[in-house]
């Protein structure tokens, strides 16, 4: 069942540096996306072995669409994240 009717953009950042955007079409199945992390990203964490990954997407509520009484703000569904060196 597809509730979104317009594409939306997902933005991925690592330690406050944008590493990629992707436009997701309504009804898109799980899809693999790959981004290269540029060298020299300024660290925001004190531990040099730690990085903070953010996945930003617009949110929606099933209650707003009269689908259910669920009032949570939902975003994009993520199956897994793999980070390779």
N, C-alpha and C. Protein backbone atom coordinates (compact mmCIF):
# COMPACT_ATOMS: atom_id res chain seq x y z
N UNK A 1 0.84 -1.17 0.00
CA UNK A 1 0.00 0.00 0.00
C UNK A 1 0.89 1.24 0.00
N UNK A 2 0.69 2.17 -0.90
CA UNK A 2 1.51 3.38 -1.01
C UNK A 2 0.70 4.58 -0.55
N UNK A 3 1.21 5.33 0.42
CA UNK A 3 0.51 6.50 0.93
C UNK A 3 1.12 7.79 0.42
N UNK A 4 2.39 7.78 0.12
CA UNK A 4 3.01 8.98 -0.42
C UNK A 4 2.69 9.07 -1.91
N UNK A 5 2.51 10.28 -2.39
CA UNK A 5 2.20 10.46 -3.81
C UNK A 5 3.29 11.23 -4.53
N UNK A 6 4.20 11.84 -3.79
CA UNK A 6 5.27 12.64 -4.38
C UNK A 6 6.63 12.07 -3.95
N UNK A 7 7.64 12.20 -4.82
CA UNK A 7 8.99 11.79 -4.40
C UNK A 7 9.46 12.66 -3.23
N UNK A 8 10.38 12.14 -2.47
CA UNK A 8 10.98 12.92 -1.37
C UNK A 8 12.47 12.68 -1.36
N UNK A 9 13.20 13.59 -0.73
CA UNK A 9 14.66 13.51 -0.71
C UNK A 9 15.14 13.04 0.66
N UNK A 10 16.05 12.07 0.63
CA UNK A 10 16.73 11.61 1.84
C UNK A 10 18.16 12.13 1.76
N UNK A 11 18.62 12.72 2.84
CA UNK A 11 19.97 13.26 2.91
C UNK A 11 20.75 12.49 3.98
N UNK A 12 21.98 12.11 3.64
CA UNK A 12 22.84 11.38 4.57
C UNK A 12 24.05 12.26 4.87
N UNK A 13 24.35 12.40 6.15
CA UNK A 13 25.54 13.16 6.53
C UNK A 13 26.35 12.37 7.54
N UNK A 14 27.64 12.62 7.52
CA UNK A 14 28.57 11.99 8.46
C UNK A 14 29.32 13.10 9.16
N UNK A 15 29.21 13.14 10.48
CA UNK A 15 29.86 14.19 11.25
C UNK A 15 29.57 15.58 10.67
N UNK A 16 28.31 15.87 10.41
CA UNK A 16 27.82 17.17 9.92
C UNK A 16 28.26 17.52 8.50
N UNK A 17 28.83 16.57 7.77
CA UNK A 17 29.19 16.79 6.37
C UNK A 17 28.26 15.95 5.50
N UNK A 18 27.54 16.60 4.59
CA UNK A 18 26.65 15.89 3.70
C UNK A 18 27.47 14.98 2.79
N UNK A 19 27.10 13.69 2.75
CA UNK A 19 27.82 12.76 1.86
C UNK A 19 26.93 12.28 0.73
N UNK A 20 25.64 12.64 0.76
CA UNK A 20 24.78 12.25 -0.35
C UNK A 20 23.32 12.55 -0.15
N UNK A 21 22.62 12.63 -1.27
CA UNK A 21 21.17 12.80 -1.31
C UNK A 21 20.62 11.79 -2.30
N UNK A 22 19.39 11.37 -2.08
CA UNK A 22 18.73 10.50 -3.04
C UNK A 22 17.25 10.87 -3.06
N UNK A 23 16.69 10.94 -4.26
CA UNK A 23 15.26 11.16 -4.42
C UNK A 23 14.58 9.80 -4.42
N UNK A 24 13.64 9.60 -3.52
CA UNK A 24 12.94 8.33 -3.39
C UNK A 24 11.53 8.49 -3.95
N UNK A 25 11.20 7.61 -4.87
CA UNK A 25 9.88 7.64 -5.49
C UNK A 25 8.87 6.90 -4.60
N UNK A 26 7.60 7.30 -4.62
CA UNK A 26 6.59 6.60 -3.83
C UNK A 26 6.55 5.11 -4.20
N UNK A 27 6.44 4.26 -3.20
CA UNK A 27 6.33 2.83 -3.43
C UNK A 27 7.63 2.12 -3.73
N UNK A 28 8.76 2.82 -3.60
CA UNK A 28 10.06 2.21 -3.87
C UNK A 28 10.33 1.08 -2.88
N UNK A 29 10.72 -0.07 -3.40
CA UNK A 29 11.11 -1.20 -2.55
C UNK A 29 12.47 -0.90 -1.92
N UNK A 30 12.89 -1.74 -0.98
CA UNK A 30 14.23 -1.56 -0.41
C UNK A 30 15.24 -1.53 -1.55
N UNK A 31 16.07 -0.51 -1.53
CA UNK A 31 17.06 -0.29 -2.58
C UNK A 31 18.40 0.00 -1.93
N UNK A 32 19.47 -0.52 -2.51
CA UNK A 32 20.80 -0.26 -1.99
C UNK A 32 21.34 1.04 -2.57
N UNK A 33 21.85 1.89 -1.70
CA UNK A 33 22.48 3.14 -2.11
C UNK A 33 23.89 3.15 -1.56
N UNK A 34 24.83 3.67 -2.32
CA UNK A 34 26.22 3.73 -1.90
C UNK A 34 26.73 5.15 -2.04
N UNK A 35 27.42 5.63 -1.02
CA UNK A 35 28.05 6.94 -1.07
C UNK A 35 29.50 6.80 -0.67
N UNK A 36 30.36 7.58 -1.30
CA UNK A 36 31.76 7.64 -0.93
C UNK A 36 31.92 8.72 0.14
N UNK A 37 32.67 8.41 1.16
CA UNK A 37 32.94 9.39 2.22
C UNK A 37 34.23 10.11 1.87
N UNK A 38 34.17 11.42 1.69
CA UNK A 38 35.39 12.15 1.35
C UNK A 38 36.39 12.16 2.50
N UNK A 39 37.65 12.13 2.16
CA UNK A 39 38.71 12.20 3.18
C UNK A 39 38.70 13.57 3.84
N UNK A 40 39.10 13.61 5.10
CA UNK A 40 39.28 14.89 5.78
C UNK A 40 38.02 15.50 6.34
N UNK A 41 36.95 14.73 6.53
CA UNK A 41 35.73 15.28 7.14
C UNK A 41 36.06 15.72 8.56
N UNK A 42 35.70 16.96 8.91
CA UNK A 42 35.95 17.42 10.29
C UNK A 42 35.19 16.56 11.30
N UNK A 43 35.86 16.13 12.34
CA UNK A 43 35.26 15.28 13.37
C UNK A 43 34.40 16.11 14.32
N UNK A 44 33.26 15.56 14.71
CA UNK A 44 32.42 16.19 15.73
C UNK A 44 32.47 15.42 17.03
N UNK A 45 32.95 14.19 16.98
CA UNK A 45 33.06 13.35 18.17
C UNK A 45 34.50 13.40 18.68
N UNK A 46 34.67 13.33 20.00
CA UNK A 46 36.00 13.38 20.59
C UNK A 46 36.82 12.14 20.27
N UNK A 47 36.17 10.99 20.17
CA UNK A 47 36.85 9.73 19.89
C UNK A 47 37.15 9.65 18.38
N UNK A 48 38.40 9.54 17.99
CA UNK A 48 38.74 9.49 16.56
C UNK A 48 38.21 8.24 15.85
N UNK A 49 37.80 7.23 16.62
CA UNK A 49 37.26 6.00 16.03
C UNK A 49 35.73 6.05 15.89
N UNK A 50 35.13 7.16 16.27
CA UNK A 50 33.68 7.30 16.27
C UNK A 50 33.24 8.35 15.27
N UNK A 51 32.16 8.07 14.57
CA UNK A 51 31.56 9.04 13.66
C UNK A 51 30.04 9.01 13.87
N UNK A 52 29.40 10.12 13.62
CA UNK A 52 27.96 10.23 13.80
C UNK A 52 27.29 10.30 12.43
N UNK A 53 26.45 9.31 12.13
CA UNK A 53 25.75 9.24 10.86
C UNK A 53 24.32 9.73 11.05
N UNK A 54 23.89 10.65 10.19
CA UNK A 54 22.51 11.16 10.22
C UNK A 54 21.82 10.79 8.92
N UNK A 55 20.58 10.34 9.02
CA UNK A 55 19.73 10.08 7.85
C UNK A 55 18.51 10.97 8.02
N UNK A 56 18.38 11.96 7.14
CA UNK A 56 17.28 12.92 7.22
C UNK A 56 16.25 12.63 6.14
N UNK A 57 14.98 12.61 6.51
CA UNK A 57 13.91 12.47 5.54
C UNK A 57 12.69 13.23 6.05
N UNK A 58 11.79 13.62 5.15
CA UNK A 58 10.56 14.23 5.61
C UNK A 58 9.73 13.22 6.40
N UNK A 59 8.90 13.70 7.29
CA UNK A 59 8.07 12.80 8.09
C UNK A 59 6.60 12.96 7.73
N UNK A 60 5.83 11.95 8.13
CA UNK A 60 4.39 11.96 7.91
C UNK A 60 3.73 11.19 9.05
N UNK A 61 2.45 11.37 9.22
CA UNK A 61 1.71 10.70 10.29
C UNK A 61 0.51 9.98 9.71
N UNK A 62 0.34 8.69 10.03
CA UNK A 62 -0.83 7.96 9.56
C UNK A 62 -2.14 8.61 10.01
N UNK A 63 -2.14 9.22 11.19
CA UNK A 63 -3.35 9.89 11.68
C UNK A 63 -3.72 11.08 10.79
N UNK A 64 -2.71 11.82 10.33
CA UNK A 64 -2.97 12.97 9.45
C UNK A 64 -3.62 12.54 8.14
N UNK A 65 -3.29 11.34 7.69
CA UNK A 65 -3.85 10.82 6.43
C UNK A 65 -5.12 10.00 6.67
N UNK A 66 -5.58 9.97 7.92
CA UNK A 66 -6.80 9.22 8.28
C UNK A 66 -6.69 7.72 7.99
N UNK A 67 -5.43 7.20 8.09
CA UNK A 67 -5.18 5.77 7.87
C UNK A 67 -5.41 5.00 9.16
N UNK A 68 -4.98 5.61 10.27
CA UNK A 68 -5.12 4.99 11.59
C UNK A 68 -5.03 6.09 12.64
N UNK A 69 -5.09 5.68 13.89
CA UNK A 69 -4.94 6.63 14.99
C UNK A 69 -3.50 6.85 15.39
N UNK A 70 -2.57 6.28 14.65
CA UNK A 70 -1.13 6.37 14.95
C UNK A 70 -0.67 7.80 14.69
N UNK A 71 -0.29 8.52 15.74
CA UNK A 71 0.11 9.93 15.61
C UNK A 71 1.62 10.12 15.53
N UNK A 72 2.37 9.01 15.48
CA UNK A 72 3.84 9.15 15.41
C UNK A 72 4.25 9.83 14.11
N UNK A 73 5.36 10.52 14.15
CA UNK A 73 5.98 11.06 12.94
C UNK A 73 6.89 9.98 12.38
N UNK A 74 6.55 9.50 11.18
CA UNK A 74 7.31 8.43 10.55
C UNK A 74 8.14 9.00 9.41
N UNK A 75 9.29 8.41 9.17
CA UNK A 75 10.16 8.86 8.08
C UNK A 75 10.42 7.72 7.12
N UNK A 76 11.64 7.64 6.64
CA UNK A 76 12.02 6.60 5.70
C UNK A 76 12.39 5.34 6.49
N UNK A 77 12.06 4.17 5.94
CA UNK A 77 12.40 2.91 6.60
C UNK A 77 13.80 2.48 6.13
N UNK A 78 14.65 2.16 7.10
CA UNK A 78 16.03 1.74 6.81
C UNK A 78 16.17 0.29 7.24
N UNK A 79 16.65 -0.54 6.32
CA UNK A 79 16.84 -1.96 6.59
C UNK A 79 18.20 -2.21 7.23
N UNK A 80 19.26 -1.61 6.68
CA UNK A 80 20.58 -1.77 7.26
C UNK A 80 21.50 -0.67 6.76
N UNK A 81 22.56 -0.44 7.53
CA UNK A 81 23.63 0.48 7.15
C UNK A 81 24.94 -0.28 7.28
N UNK A 82 25.73 -0.27 6.23
CA UNK A 82 27.05 -0.92 6.26
C UNK A 82 28.09 0.15 5.98
N UNK A 83 29.06 0.25 6.84
CA UNK A 83 30.16 1.19 6.65
C UNK A 83 31.43 0.38 6.48
N UNK A 84 32.09 0.58 5.35
CA UNK A 84 33.31 -0.16 5.05
C UNK A 84 34.46 0.81 4.89
N UNK A 85 35.60 0.36 5.28
CA UNK A 85 36.81 1.18 5.17
C UNK A 85 37.56 0.82 3.91
